[in-house]
Amino acid sequence: MTAPTASASSSPAPAAVVPDARGTRRAFGTRGDAGHGGGAARTGTVRSWASRQYWPAFLYLLPAAAFYILFVLRPLGQTAWISLFHWDGLTEGRWAGAANYRELLHDGRIPSALAHSLVFVVAYAFLPVALGLFLAGLMSRIRVRGLTFFRAVLFLPQILATVVVAVSWRWIYDIDGPLNAALRAVGLDGLTRAWLGDYDTALPSVAVIGTWVMYGLCMVLFLAGVQKIPTERYEAARIDGCGPVREFFAVTLPALRGEIAIALVLTITYALRNFDLVWNTTAGGPGTSTTVPSVFIYQGAFITRDVGGAAAISVCLTLVVLAVTAVVMRVVRGKED
């Protein structure tokens, strides 16, 4: 039996042989040259172009990436690993697995701490964003002398150290502080109290401080966004008969969607991980009326020496912050699309 041979119709056409520029002979026009050689050449060209175009950018990003990996991702990984142990921070740790996380599910203090964090989200995020939008819309229309000075004054709470802010407001809220003195001066003695020491007013009092601290950041972000809006949009809105309020909702607010997303991410993140302001004003008291998850993290790590449990709370808090941030960005991008 003879081996099967290919028919004449199925055999490839002979390649044309042409001399190249150096006098050598090479095949030209074969399917292998067009399909494989040409594709490889194009791939090599694209890769060399990509390497020439982007490698310098990668080199510039390398220090920041190394810093991020070393001081953000690595500590997060270590925290997640520590959360799997019973450890007091000094002696050798004992493997706990998911025991620390199971204890969190049965800890009755966590729901109230999360509820306090939600109050802070409203006070540190939504109220500052609303105030920032109002001030940005107002300042974009007002042309008065000293406007730059007023902007700096309104932004001042954002650049002050948190300890300075906490000590100042503790003095304001003191039983003999300026707030109670002003209430007595107008005949409202019945409203005077130790604002940070009262179970009913401690949490709202700390929330007011957060609003005062964060609204300056939102205002500056929105003012920067207003400056990039084309003036033709405002002129068209005014020609259509839009007043200040309608102009704000029709022109200014849609154009600030990106800035609003950034402001919400920054302020909500700060509200959920807030510790220094609470600790320096009430230390979580009176009782547990102002405790938040970050206070439990500090108490577990440095007071009760339950480092593994504190690490578990830290991991859960990080996941909550990431989830909230993802939801905010998802909502904003959905509206943009």
C-alpha atoms as a PDB file:
ATOM      1  CA  MET A   1       0.000   0.000   0.000  1.00  0.00           C
ATOM      2  CA  THR A   2       1.344   3.381  -0.993  1.00  0.00           C
ATOM      3  CA  ALA A   3       1.146   6.466   1.161  1.00  0.00           C
ATOM      4  CA  PRO A   4      -1.557   8.988   0.217  1.00  0.00           C
ATOM      5  CA  THR A   5      -0.296  11.958  -1.767  1.00  0.00           C
ATOM      6  CA  ALA A   6      -1.709  15.478  -1.881  1.00  0.00           C
ATOM      7  CA  SER A   7      -3.581  16.433  -5.023  1.00  0.00           C
ATOM      8  CA  ALA A   8      -2.308  19.142  -7.309  1.00  0.00           C
ATOM      9  CA  SER A   9      -5.195  21.435  -6.451  1.00  0.00           C
ATOM     10  CA  SER A  10      -4.406  21.305  -2.730  1.00  0.00           C
ATOM     11  CA  SER A  11      -0.652  21.907  -3.024  1.00  0.00           C
ATOM     12  CA  PRO A  12       0.473  25.449  -2.089  1.00  0.00           C
ATOM     13  CA  ALA A  13       1.453  27.790  -4.856  1.00  0.00           C
ATOM     14  CA  PRO A  14       5.190  28.096  -5.382  1.00  0.00           C
ATOM     15  CA  ALA A  15       6.690  31.079  -3.693  1.00  0.00           C
ATOM     16  CA  ALA A  16       8.177  33.783  -5.834  1.00  0.00           C
ATOM     17  CA  VAL A  17      11.867  34.276  -5.202  1.00  0.00           C
ATOM     18  CA  VAL A  18      13.040  37.884  -5.357  1.00  0.00           C
ATOM     19  CA  PRO A  19      16.357  39.425  -4.507  1.00  0.00           C
ATOM     20  CA  ASP A  20      16.419  41.640  -1.435  1.00  0.00           C
ATOM     21  CA  ALA A  21      18.369  44.855  -1.033  1.00  0.00           C
ATOM     22  CA  ARG A  22      21.544  42.969  -0.037  1.00  0.00           C
ATOM     23  CA  GLY A  23      21.544  40.727  -3.104  1.00  0.00           C
ATOM     24  CA  THR A  24      20.371  37.592  -1.314  1.00  0.00           C
ATOM     25  CA  ARG A  25      17.408  35.568  -2.444  1.00  0.00           C
ATOM     26  CA  ARG A  26      14.327  35.085  -0.236  1.00  0.00           C
ATOM     27  CA  ALA A  27      10.793  33.778  -0.706  1.00  0.00           C
ATOM     28  CA  PHE A  28       8.102  36.421  -1.020  1.00  0.00           C
ATOM     29  CA  GLY A  29       4.348  36.136  -1.048  1.00  0.00           C
ATOM     30  CA  THR A  30       3.912  32.802   0.706  1.00  0.00           C
ATOM     31  CA  ARG A  31       1.122  32.396   3.189  1.00  0.00           C
ATOM     32  CA  GLY A  32       3.681  31.602   5.889  1.00  0.00           C
ATOM     33  CA  ASP A  33       5.324  34.948   5.299  1.00  0.00           C
ATOM     34  CA  ALA A  34       2.082  36.893   5.465  1.00  0.00           C
ATOM     35  CA  GLY A  35       0.423  34.918   8.249  1.00  0.00           C
ATOM     36  CA  HIS A  36       3.313  34.076  10.514  1.00  0.00           C
ATOM     37  CA  GLY A  37       6.329  36.137   9.656  1.00  0.00           C
ATOM     38  CA  GLY A  38       4.321  39.307   9.134  1.00  0.00           C
ATOM     39  CA  GLY A  39       2.278  38.721  12.306  1.00  0.00           C
ATOM     40  CA  ALA A  40       5.430  38.127  14.320  1.00  0.00           C
ATOM     41  CA  ALA A  41       6.961  41.267  12.891  1.00  0.00           C
ATOM     42  CA  ARG A  42       3.882  43.304  13.758  1.00  0.00           C
ATOM     43  CA  THR A  43       3.804  41.801  17.273  1.00  0.00           C
ATOM     44  CA  GLY A  44       7.447  42.607  17.774  1.00  0.00           C
ATOM     45  CA  THR A  45       6.881  46.156  16.564  1.00  0.00           C
ATOM     46  CA  VAL A  46       3.932  46.642  18.926  1.00  0.00           C
ATOM     47  CA  ARG A  47       5.882  45.236  21.837  1.00  0.00           C
ATOM     48  CA  SER A  48       8.913  47.394  21.136  1.00  0.00           C
ATOM     49  CA  TRP A  49       6.660  50.459  20.781  1.00  0.00           C
ATOM     50  CA  ALA A  50       4.872  49.611  24.034  1.00  0.00           C
ATOM     51  CA  SER A  51       8.163  49.161  25.803  1.00  0.00           C
ATOM     52  CA  ARG A  52       9.464  52.472  24.479  1.00  0.00           C
ATOM     53  CA  GLN A  53       6.245  54.299  25.347  1.00  0.00           C
ATOM     54  CA  TYR A  54       5.393  52.910  28.772  1.00  0.00           C
ATOM     55  CA  TRP A  55       8.546  51.722  30.469  1.00  0.00           C
ATOM     56  CA  PRO A  56       9.560  55.247  31.527  1.00  0.00           C
ATOM     57  CA  ALA A  57       6.118  55.713  33.080  1.00  0.00           C
ATOM     58  CA  PHE A  58       6.468  52.398  34.912  1.00  0.00           C
ATOM     59  CA  LEU A  59       9.841  53.495  36.240  1.00  0.00           C
ATOM     60  CA  TYR A  60       8.336  56.727  37.550  1.00  0.00           C
ATOM     61  CA  LEU A  61       5.539  54.779  39.249  1.00  0.00           C
ATOM     62  CA  LEU A  62       7.886  52.217  40.776  1.00  0.00           C
ATOM     63  CA  PRO A  63       8.831  54.236  43.932  1.00  0.00           C
ATOM     64  CA  ALA A  64       5.163  54.972  44.719  1.00  0.00           C
ATOM     65  CA  ALA A  65       4.219  51.334  44.079  1.00  0.00           C
ATOM     66  CA  ALA A  66       7.029  50.108  46.316  1.00  0.00           C
ATOM     67  CA  PHE A  67       5.960  52.528  49.055  1.00  0.00           C
ATOM     68  CA  TYR A  68       2.327  51.377  48.731  1.00  0.00           C
ATOM     69  CA  ILE A  69       3.257  47.706  48.886  1.00  0.00           C
ATOM     70  CA  LEU A  70       5.632  48.192  51.808  1.00  0.00           C
ATOM     71  CA  PHE A  71       3.500  50.457  53.987  1.00  0.00           C
ATOM     72  CA  VAL A  72      -0.095  49.584  52.974  1.00  0.00           C
ATOM     73  CA  LEU A  73      -0.473  46.102  51.490  1.00  0.00           C
ATOM     74  CA  ARG A  74       2.146  44.438  53.661  1.00  0.00           C
ATOM     75  CA  PRO A  75       0.691  45.753  56.967  1.00  0.00           C
ATOM     76  CA  LEU A  76      -2.789  44.731  55.802  1.00  0.00           C
ATOM     77  CA  GLY A  77      -1.556  41.235  55.133  1.00  0.00           C
ATOM     78  CA  GLN A  78       0.178  41.074  58.516  1.00  0.00           C
ATOM     79  CA  THR A  79      -2.974  42.297  60.258  1.00  0.00           C
ATOM     80  CA  ALA A  80      -5.052  39.622  58.550  1.00  0.00           C
ATOM     81  CA  TRP A  81      -2.520  36.997  59.632  1.00  0.00           C
ATOM     82  CA  ILE A  82      -2.444  38.222  63.264  1.00  0.00           C
ATOM     83  CA  SER A  83      -6.252  38.103  63.383  1.00  0.00           C
ATOM     84  CA  LEU A  84      -6.005  34.309  63.134  1.00  0.00           C
ATOM     85  CA  PHE A  85      -4.177  34.039  66.484  1.00  0.00           C
ATOM     86  CA  HIS A  86      -4.842  34.549  70.164  1.00  0.00           C
ATOM     87  CA  TRP A  87      -1.997  36.924  70.957  1.00  0.00           C
ATOM     88  CA  ASP A  88      -1.285  39.512  73.636  1.00  0.00           C
ATOM     89  CA  GLY A  89       1.461  41.233  71.670  1.00  0.00           C
ATOM     90  CA  LEU A  90       4.281  39.919  73.865  1.00  0.00           C
ATOM     91  CA  THR A  91       4.204  36.166  74.306  1.00  0.00           C
ATOM     92  CA  GLU A  92       3.923  33.532  71.627  1.00  0.00           C
ATOM     93  CA  GLY A  93       0.573  33.520  69.893  1.00  0.00           C
ATOM     94  CA  ARG A  94      -1.793  30.535  69.775  1.00  0.00           C
ATOM     95  CA  TRP A  95      -3.585  29.565  66.583  1.00  0.00           C
ATOM     96  CA  ALA A  96      -7.251  30.626  66.705  1.00  0.00           C
ATOM     97  CA  GLY A  97      -8.414  30.285  63.127  1.00  0.00           C
ATOM     98  CA  ALA A  98     -11.743  32.028  62.728  1.00  0.00           C
ATOM     99  CA  ALA A  99     -12.432  32.166  66.478  1.00  0.00           C
ATOM    100  CA  ASN A 100     -11.758  35.914  66.697  1.00  0.00           C
ATOM    101  CA  TYR A 101     -14.257  36.556  63.917  1.00  0.00           C
ATOM    102  CA  ARG A 102     -16.862  34.327  65.550  1.00  0.00           C
ATOM    103  CA  GLU A 103     -16.465  36.291  68.767  1.00  0.00           C
ATOM    104  CA  LEU A 104     -17.163  39.490  66.860  1.00  0.00           C
ATOM    105  CA  LEU A 105     -20.467  38.079  65.657  1.00  0.00           C
ATOM    106  CA  HIS A 106     -21.541  37.480  69.272  1.00  0.00           C
ATOM    107  CA  ASP A 107     -20.160  40.743  70.691  1.00  0.00           C
ATOM    108  CA  GLY A 108     -23.141  42.911  71.625  1.00  0.00           C
ATOM    109  CA  ARG A 109     -21.071  46.098  71.531  1.00  0.00           C
ATOM    110  CA  ILE A 110     -20.357  45.921  67.800  1.00  0.00           C
ATOM    111  CA  PRO A 111     -23.899  46.746  66.535  1.00  0.00           C
ATOM    112  CA  SER A 112     -24.078  49.883  68.686  1.00  0.00           C
ATOM    113  CA  ALA A 113     -20.594  50.914  67.543  1.00  0.00           C
ATOM    114  CA  LEU A 114     -21.638  50.494  63.904  1.00  0.00           C
ATOM    115  CA  ALA A 115     -24.778  52.538  64.594  1.00  0.00           C
ATOM    116  CA  HIS A 116     -22.595  55.330  65.977  1.00  0.00           C
ATOM    117  CA  SER A 117     -20.466  55.109  62.836  1.00  0.00           C
ATOM    118  CA  LEU A 118     -23.585  55.574  60.706  1.00  0.00           C
ATOM    119  CA  VAL A 119     -24.369  58.740  62.661  1.00  0.00           C
ATOM    120  CA  PHE A 120     -20.855  59.937  61.940  1.00  0.00           C
ATOM    121  CA  VAL A 121     -21.286  59.099  58.246  1.00  0.00           C
ATOM    122  CA  VAL A 122     -24.241  61.483  58.143  1.00  0.00           C
ATOM    123  CA  ALA A 123     -22.397  64.183  60.094  1.00  0.00           C
ATOM    124  CA  TYR A 124     -18.954  63.756  58.510  1.00  0.00           C
ATOM    125  CA  ALA A 125     -20.032  63.045  54.927  1.00  0.00           C
ATOM    126  CA  PHE A 126     -23.543  64.013  53.866  1.00  0.00           C
ATOM    127  CA  LEU A 127     -23.854  67.238  55.849  1.00  0.00           C
ATOM    128  CA  PRO A 128     -20.384  68.525  54.819  1.00  0.00           C
ATOM    129  CA  VAL A 129     -21.110  67.677  51.180  1.00  0.00           C
ATOM    130  CA  ALA A 130     -24.411  69.577  51.358  1.00  0.00           C
ATOM    131  CA  LEU A 131     -22.746  72.568  53.053  1.00  0.00           C
ATOM    132  CA  GLY A 132     -19.857  72.465  50.603  1.00  0.00           C
ATOM    133  CA  LEU A 133     -22.225  72.491  47.633  1.00  0.00           C
ATOM    134  CA  PHE A 134     -24.163  75.401  49.104  1.00  0.00           C
ATOM    135  CA  LEU A 135     -21.030  77.458  49.797  1.00  0.00           C
ATOM    136  CA  ALA A 136     -19.478  76.616  46.420  1.00  0.00           C
ATOM    137  CA  GLY A 137     -22.656  77.632  44.587  1.00  0.00           C
ATOM    138  CA  LEU A 138     -22.869  80.829  46.632  1.00  0.00           C
ATOM    139  CA  MET A 139     -19.231  81.835  46.189  1.00  0.00           C
ATOM    140  CA  SER A 140     -19.307  81.092  42.467  1.00  0.00           C
ATOM    141  CA  ARG A 141     -21.948  83.817  42.032  1.00  0.00           C
ATOM    142  CA  ILE A 142     -20.792  86.397  44.570  1.00  0.00           C
ATOM    143  CA  ARG A 143     -18.052  88.804  43.588  1.00  0.00           C
ATOM    144  CA  VAL A 144     -16.958  90.683  46.708  1.00  0.00           C
ATOM    145  CA  ARG A 145     -13.648  91.861  48.093  1.00  0.00           C
ATOM    146  CA  GLY A 146     -11.879  89.499  50.417  1.00  0.00           C
ATOM    147  CA  LEU A 147     -13.549  86.381  49.062  1.00  0.00           C
ATOM    148  CA  THR A 148     -10.206  84.556  49.031  1.00  0.00           C
ATOM    149  CA  PHE A 149      -9.777  85.365  52.720  1.00  0.00           C
ATOM    150  CA  PHE A 150     -13.201  83.943  53.537  1.00  0.00           C
ATOM    151  CA  ARG A 151     -12.383  80.788  51.602  1.00  0.00           C
ATOM    152  CA  ALA A 152      -9.196  80.354  53.622  1.00  0.00           C
ATOM    153  CA  VAL A 153     -11.053  80.890  56.899  1.00  0.00           C
ATOM    154  CA  LEU A 154     -13.711  78.341  55.977  1.00  0.00           C
ATOM    155  CA  PHE A 155     -11.017  75.815  55.014  1.00  0.00           C
ATOM    156  CA  LEU A 156      -9.069  76.398  58.251  1.00  0.00           C
ATOM    157  CA  PRO A 157     -10.670  73.512  60.245  1.00  0.00           C
ATOM    158  CA  GLN A 158      -9.348  71.030  57.690  1.00  0.00           C
ATOM    159  CA  ILE A 159      -5.697  72.000  58.177  1.00  0.00           C
ATOM    160  CA  LEU A 160      -5.759  72.132  61.985  1.00  0.00           C
ATOM    161  CA  ALA A 161      -4.405  69.163  63.888  1.00  0.00           C
ATOM    162  CA  THR A 162      -7.167  66.916  65.173  1.00  0.00           C
ATOM    163  CA  VAL A 163      -5.842  67.137  68.732  1.00  0.00           C
ATOM    164  CA  VAL A 164      -6.068  70.930  68.575  1.00  0.00           C
ATOM    165  CA  VAL A 165      -9.626  70.698  67.267  1.00  0.00           C
ATOM    166  CA  ALA A 166     -10.626  68.219  69.992  1.00  0.00           C
ATOM    167  CA  VAL A 167      -9.141  70.266  72.837  1.00  0.00           C
ATOM    168  CA  SER A 168     -10.724  73.458  71.517  1.00  0.00           C
ATOM    169  CA  TRP A 169     -14.174  71.930  71.278  1.00  0.00           C
ATOM    170  CA  ARG A 170     -13.863  70.324  74.705  1.00  0.00           C
ATOM    171  CA  TRP A 171     -13.380  73.825  76.042  1.00  0.00           C
ATOM    172  CA  ILE A 172     -16.379  75.095  74.043  1.00  0.00           C
ATOM    173  CA  TYR A 173     -18.589  72.263  75.333  1.00  0.00           C
ATOM    174  CA  ASP A 174     -17.390  72.573  78.922  1.00  0.00           C
ATOM    175  CA  ILE A 175     -19.951  73.305  81.626  1.00  0.00           C
ATOM    176  CA  ASP A 176     -18.362  76.750  82.025  1.00  0.00           C
ATOM    177  CA  GLY A 177     -17.443  77.077  78.367  1.00  0.00           C
ATOM    178  CA  PRO A 178     -18.533  79.618  75.749  1.00  0.00           C
ATOM    179  CA  LEU A 179     -21.541  77.612  74.567  1.00  0.00           C
ATOM    180  CA  ASN A 180     -23.198  77.451  77.978  1.00  0.00           C
ATOM    181  CA  ALA A 181     -22.219  81.065  78.639  1.00  0.00           C
ATOM    182  CA  ALA A 182     -23.999  82.125  75.446  1.00  0.00           C
ATOM    183  CA  LEU A 183     -27.093  80.133  76.433  1.00  0.00           C
ATOM    184  CA  ARG A 184     -27.167  81.794  79.849  1.00  0.00           C
ATOM    185  CA  ALA A 185     -26.752  85.196  78.250  1.00  0.00           C
ATOM    186  CA  VAL A 186     -29.947  84.765  76.216  1.00  0.00           C
ATOM    187  CA  GLY A 187     -31.946  83.289  79.111  1.00  0.00           C
ATOM    188  CA  LEU A 188     -31.724  79.614  78.129  1.00  0.00           C
ATOM    189  CA  ASP A 189     -30.198  78.373  81.353  1.00  0.00           C
ATOM    190  CA  GLY A 190     -32.287  75.225  81.217  1.00  0.00           C
ATOM    191  CA  LEU A 191     -30.379  74.048  78.133  1.00  0.00           C
ATOM    192  CA  THR A 192     -26.938  74.317  79.697  1.00  0.00           C
ATOM    193  CA  ARG A 193     -25.200  71.018  80.432  1.00  0.00           C
ATOM    194  CA  ALA A 194     -21.909  69.168  80.151  1.00  0.00           C
ATOM    195  CA  TRP A 195     -22.413  68.426  76.473  1.00  0.00           C
ATOM    196  CA  LEU A 196     -19.716  65.769  76.157  1.00  0.00           C
ATOM    197  CA  GLY A 197     -20.605  64.175  79.487  1.00  0.00           C
ATOM    198  CA  ASP A 198     -24.313  63.730  78.860  1.00  0.00           C
ATOM    199  CA  TYR A 199     -25.503  60.404  77.458  1.00  0.00           C
ATOM    200  CA  ASP A 200     -28.057  62.130  75.239  1.00  0.00           C
ATOM    201  CA  THR A 201     -25.845  64.878  73.792  1.00  0.00           C
ATOM    202  CA  ALA A 202     -22.348  63.366  73.646  1.00  0.00           C
ATOM    203  CA  LEU A 203     -22.772  61.667  70.257  1.00  0.00           C
ATOM    204  CA  PRO A 204     -24.469  64.639  68.507  1.00  0.00           C
ATOM    205  CA  SER A 205     -21.852  66.978  69.986  1.00  0.00           C
ATOM    206  CA  VAL A 206     -18.975  64.964  68.515  1.00  0.00           C
ATOM    207  CA  ALA A 207     -20.878  64.720  65.227  1.00  0.00           C
ATOM    208  CA  VAL A 208     -21.109  68.524  65.046  1.00  0.00           C
ATOM    209  CA  ILE A 209     -17.333  68.722  65.392  1.00  0.00           C
ATOM    210  CA  GLY A 210     -16.924  66.346  62.461  1.00  0.00           C
ATOM    211  CA  THR A 211     -19.222  68.442  60.297  1.00  0.00           C
ATOM    212  CA  TRP A 212     -17.216  71.568  61.151  1.00  0.00           C
ATOM    213  CA  VAL A 213     -13.939  69.820  60.288  1.00  0.00           C
ATOM    214  CA  MET A 214     -14.964  68.257  56.964  1.00  0.00           C
ATOM    215  CA  TYR A 215     -17.095  70.869  55.226  1.00  0.00           C
ATOM    216  CA  GLY A 216     -14.044  72.964  54.279  1.00  0.00           C
ATOM    217  CA  LEU A 217     -12.552  70.086  52.293  1.00  0.00           C
ATOM    218  CA  CYS A 218     -15.807  69.586  50.388  1.00  0.00           C
ATOM    219  CA  MET A 219     -16.113  73.307  49.696  1.00  0.00           C
ATOM    220  CA  VAL A 220     -12.606  73.530  48.208  1.00  0.00           C
ATOM    221  CA  LEU A 221     -13.179  70.472  46.022  1.00  0.00           C
ATOM    222  CA  PHE A 222     -16.442  71.879  44.697  1.00  0.00           C
ATOM    223  CA  LEU A 223     -14.990  75.352  44.111  1.00  0.00           C
ATOM    224  CA  ALA A 224     -12.240  73.773  42.012  1.00  0.00           C
ATOM    225  CA  GLY A 225     -14.889  71.882  40.053  1.00  0.00           C
ATOM    226  CA  VAL A 226     -17.001  74.997  39.496  1.00  0.00           C
ATOM    227  CA  GLN A 227     -14.041  76.826  37.950  1.00  0.00           C
ATOM    228  CA  LYS A 228     -13.758  74.257  35.156  1.00  0.00           C
ATOM    229  CA  ILE A 229     -17.414  74.562  34.100  1.00  0.00           C
ATOM    230  CA  PRO A 230     -17.641  76.533  30.815  1.00  0.00           C
ATOM    231  CA  THR A 231     -19.256  79.938  31.280  1.00  0.00           C
ATOM    232  CA  GLU A 232     -21.324  79.315  28.137  1.00  0.00           C
ATOM    233  CA  ARG A 233     -23.456  76.852  30.101  1.00  0.00           C
ATOM    234  CA  TYR A 234     -24.342  79.481  32.667  1.00  0.00           C
ATOM    235  CA  GLU A 235     -25.046  82.030  29.954  1.00  0.00           C
ATOM    236  CA  ALA A 236     -27.327  79.585  28.147  1.00  0.00           C
ATOM    237  CA  ALA A 237     -29.165  78.793  31.386  1.00  0.00           C
ATOM    238  CA  ARG A 238     -29.692  82.477  32.111  1.00  0.00           C
ATOM    239  CA  ILE A 239     -30.947  83.103  28.590  1.00  0.00           C
ATOM    240  CA  ASP A 240     -33.461  80.294  29.157  1.00  0.00           C
ATOM    241  CA  GLY A 241     -34.675  82.178  32.217  1.00  0.00           C
ATOM    242  CA  CYS A 242     -33.097  80.007  34.926  1.00  0.00           C
ATOM    243  CA  GLY A 243     -32.810  81.578  38.335  1.00  0.00           C
ATOM    244  CA  PRO A 244     -29.947  80.904  40.780  1.00  0.00           C
ATOM    245  CA  VAL A 245     -31.524  77.771  42.260  1.00  0.00           C
ATOM    246  CA  ARG A 246     -32.535  76.218  38.963  1.00  0.00           C
ATOM    247  CA  GLU A 247     -29.169  77.153  37.464  1.00  0.00           C
ATOM    248  CA  PHE A 248     -27.421  75.334  40.304  1.00  0.00           C
ATOM    249  CA  PHE A 249     -29.413  72.116  39.819  1.00  0.00           C
ATOM    250  CA  ALA A 250     -29.306  72.254  36.004  1.00  0.00           C
ATOM    251  CA  VAL A 251     -25.681  73.278  35.433  1.00  0.00           C
ATOM    252  CA  THR A 252     -23.498  73.233  38.548  1.00  0.00           C
ATOM    253  CA  LEU A 253     -24.647  70.046  40.262  1.00  0.00           C
ATOM    254  CA  PRO A 254     -24.370  67.720  37.208  1.00  0.00           C
ATOM    255  CA  ALA A 255     -20.914  69.078  36.410  1.00  0.00           C
ATOM    256  CA  LEU A 256     -19.683  68.362  39.953  1.00  0.00           C
ATOM    257  CA  ARG A 257     -20.536  64.664  39.927  1.00  0.00           C
ATOM    258  CA  GLY A 258     -16.890  63.600  39.929  1.00  0.00           C
ATOM    259  CA  GLU A 259     -15.960  65.987  42.745  1.00  0.00           C
ATOM    260  CA  ILE A 260     -18.960  64.820  44.765  1.00  0.00           C
ATOM    261  CA  ALA A 261     -17.804  61.215  44.399  1.00  0.00           C
ATOM    262  CA  ILE A 262     -14.307  62.104  45.620  1.00  0.00           C
ATOM    263  CA  ALA A 263     -15.703  64.089  48.539  1.00  0.00           C
ATOM    264  CA  LEU A 264     -18.021  61.254  49.564  1.00  0.00           C
ATOM    265  CA  VAL A 265     -15.245  58.676  49.409  1.00  0.00           C
ATOM    266  CA  LEU A 266     -12.906  60.811  51.527  1.00  0.00           C
ATOM    267  CA  THR A 267     -15.487  61.848  54.097  1.00  0.00           C
ATOM    268  CA  ILE A 268     -17.183  58.450  54.460  1.00  0.00           C
ATOM    269  CA  THR A 269     -13.802  56.779  54.859  1.00  0.00           C
ATOM    270  CA  TYR A 270     -12.857  59.288  57.544  1.00  0.00           C
ATOM    271  CA  ALA A 271     -16.183  58.804  59.323  1.00  0.00           C
ATOM    272  CA  LEU A 272     -15.872  55.008  59.425  1.00  0.00           C
ATOM    273  CA  ARG A 273     -12.268  54.970  60.630  1.00  0.00           C
ATOM    274  CA  ASN A 274     -12.650  57.973  62.932  1.00  0.00           C
ATOM    275  CA  PHE A 275     -10.689  57.539  66.151  1.00  0.00           C
ATOM    276  CA  ASP A 276      -8.583  60.536  67.138  1.00  0.00           C
ATOM    277  CA  LEU A 277     -11.457  63.001  67.354  1.00  0.00           C
ATOM    278  CA  VAL A 278     -13.598  60.632  69.436  1.00  0.00           C
ATOM    279  CA  TRP A 279     -10.763  59.549  71.684  1.00  0.00           C
ATOM    280  CA  ASN A 280      -9.558  63.086  72.423  1.00  0.00           C
ATOM    281  CA  THR A 281     -13.040  64.372  73.227  1.00  0.00           C
ATOM    282  CA  THR A 282     -14.937  61.564  74.977  1.00  0.00           C
ATOM    283  CA  ALA A 283     -12.692  58.455  74.828  1.00  0.00           C
ATOM    284  CA  GLY A 284     -15.826  56.588  73.764  1.00  0.00           C
ATOM    285  CA  GLY A 285     -17.883  57.711  76.755  1.00  0.00           C
ATOM    286  CA  PRO A 286     -19.853  58.409  78.688  1.00  0.00           C
ATOM    287  CA  GLY A 287     -20.288  54.678  78.968  1.00  0.00           C
ATOM    288  CA  THR A 288     -20.324  53.442  75.378  1.00  0.00           C
ATOM    289  CA  SER A 289     -22.447  56.263  73.960  1.00  0.00           C
ATOM    290  CA  THR A 290     -19.753  57.422  71.505  1.00  0.00           C
ATOM    291  CA  THR A 291     -17.768  54.225  70.949  1.00  0.00           C
ATOM    292  CA  VAL A 292     -16.916  53.305  67.363  1.00  0.00           C
ATOM    293  CA  PRO A 293     -15.061  50.260  65.979  1.00  0.00           C
ATOM    294  CA  SER A 294     -11.731  52.096  65.971  1.00  0.00           C
ATOM    295  CA  VAL A 295     -12.044  52.673  69.730  1.00  0.00           C
ATOM    296  CA  PHE A 296     -12.459  48.929  70.260  1.00  0.00           C
ATOM    297  CA  ILE A 297      -9.385  48.349  68.105  1.00  0.00           C
ATOM    298  CA  TYR A 298      -7.320  50.656  70.308  1.00  0.00           C
ATOM    299  CA  GLN A 299      -8.687  49.202  73.545  1.00  0.00           C
ATOM    300  CA  GLY A 300      -8.121  45.629  72.385  1.00  0.00           C
ATOM    301  CA  ALA A 301      -4.572  46.240  71.165  1.00  0.00           C
ATOM    302  CA  PHE A 302      -3.228  48.459  73.964  1.00  0.00           C
ATOM    303  CA  ILE A 303      -5.480  48.082  77.028  1.00  0.00           C
ATOM    304  CA  THR A 304      -6.921  44.556  77.206  1.00  0.00           C
ATOM    305  CA  ARG A 305      -3.988  43.138  75.175  1.00  0.00           C
ATOM    306  CA  ASP A 306      -6.222  41.166  72.819  1.00  0.00           C
ATOM    307  CA  VAL A 307      -4.215  41.926  69.713  1.00  0.00           C
ATOM    308  CA  GLY A 308      -5.758  39.118  67.676  1.00  0.00           C
ATOM    309  CA  GLY A 309      -9.288  40.352  68.342  1.00  0.00           C
ATOM    310  CA  ALA A 310      -8.278  43.935  67.566  1.00  0.00           C
ATOM    311  CA  ALA A 311      -6.754  42.767  64.291  1.00  0.00           C
ATOM    312  CA  ALA A 312      -9.998  40.961  63.418  1.00  0.00           C
ATOM    313  CA  ILE A 313     -11.976  44.166  63.978  1.00  0.00           C
ATOM    314  CA  SER A 314      -9.452  46.017  61.820  1.00  0.00           C
ATOM    315  CA  VAL A 315      -9.871  43.563  58.966  1.00  0.00           C
ATOM    316  CA  CYS A 316     -13.664  43.785  59.129  1.00  0.00           C
ATOM    317  CA  LEU A 317     -13.535  47.591  59.279  1.00  0.00           C
ATOM    318  CA  THR A 318     -11.249  47.661  56.232  1.00  0.00           C
ATOM    319  CA  LEU A 319     -13.670  45.472  54.300  1.00  0.00           C
ATOM    320  CA  VAL A 320     -16.578  47.737  55.260  1.00  0.00           C
ATOM    321  CA  VAL A 321     -14.683  50.829  54.095  1.00  0.00           C
ATOM    322  CA  LEU A 322     -13.765  49.175  50.791  1.00  0.00           C
ATOM    323  CA  ALA A 323     -17.344  47.998  50.232  1.00  0.00           C
ATOM    324  CA  VAL A 324     -18.810  51.448  50.921  1.00  0.00           C
ATOM    325  CA  THR A 325     -16.236  53.076  48.656  1.00  0.00           C
ATOM    326  CA  ALA A 326     -17.012  50.613  45.864  1.00  0.00           C
ATOM    327  CA  VAL A 327     -20.751  51.273  46.195  1.00  0.00           C
ATOM    328  CA  VAL A 328     -20.253  55.053  46.046  1.00  0.00           C
ATOM    329  CA  MET A 329     -18.032  54.824  42.975  1.00  0.00           C
ATOM    330  CA  ARG A 330     -20.422  52.351  41.341  1.00  0.00           C
ATOM    331  CA  VAL A 331     -23.388  54.668  41.843  1.00  0.00           C
ATOM    332  CA  VAL A 332     -21.515  57.678  40.487  1.00  0.00           C
ATOM    333  CA  ARG A 333     -20.178  55.826  37.439  1.00  0.00           C
ATOM    334  CA  GLY A 334     -23.623  54.432  36.773  1.00  0.00           C
ATOM    335  CA  LYS A 335     -25.048  57.929  36.677  1.00  0.00           C
ATOM    336  CA  GLU A 336     -22.255  59.101  34.380  1.00  0.00           C
ATOM    337  CA  ASP A 337     -22.913  56.242  31.963  1.00  0.00           C
END
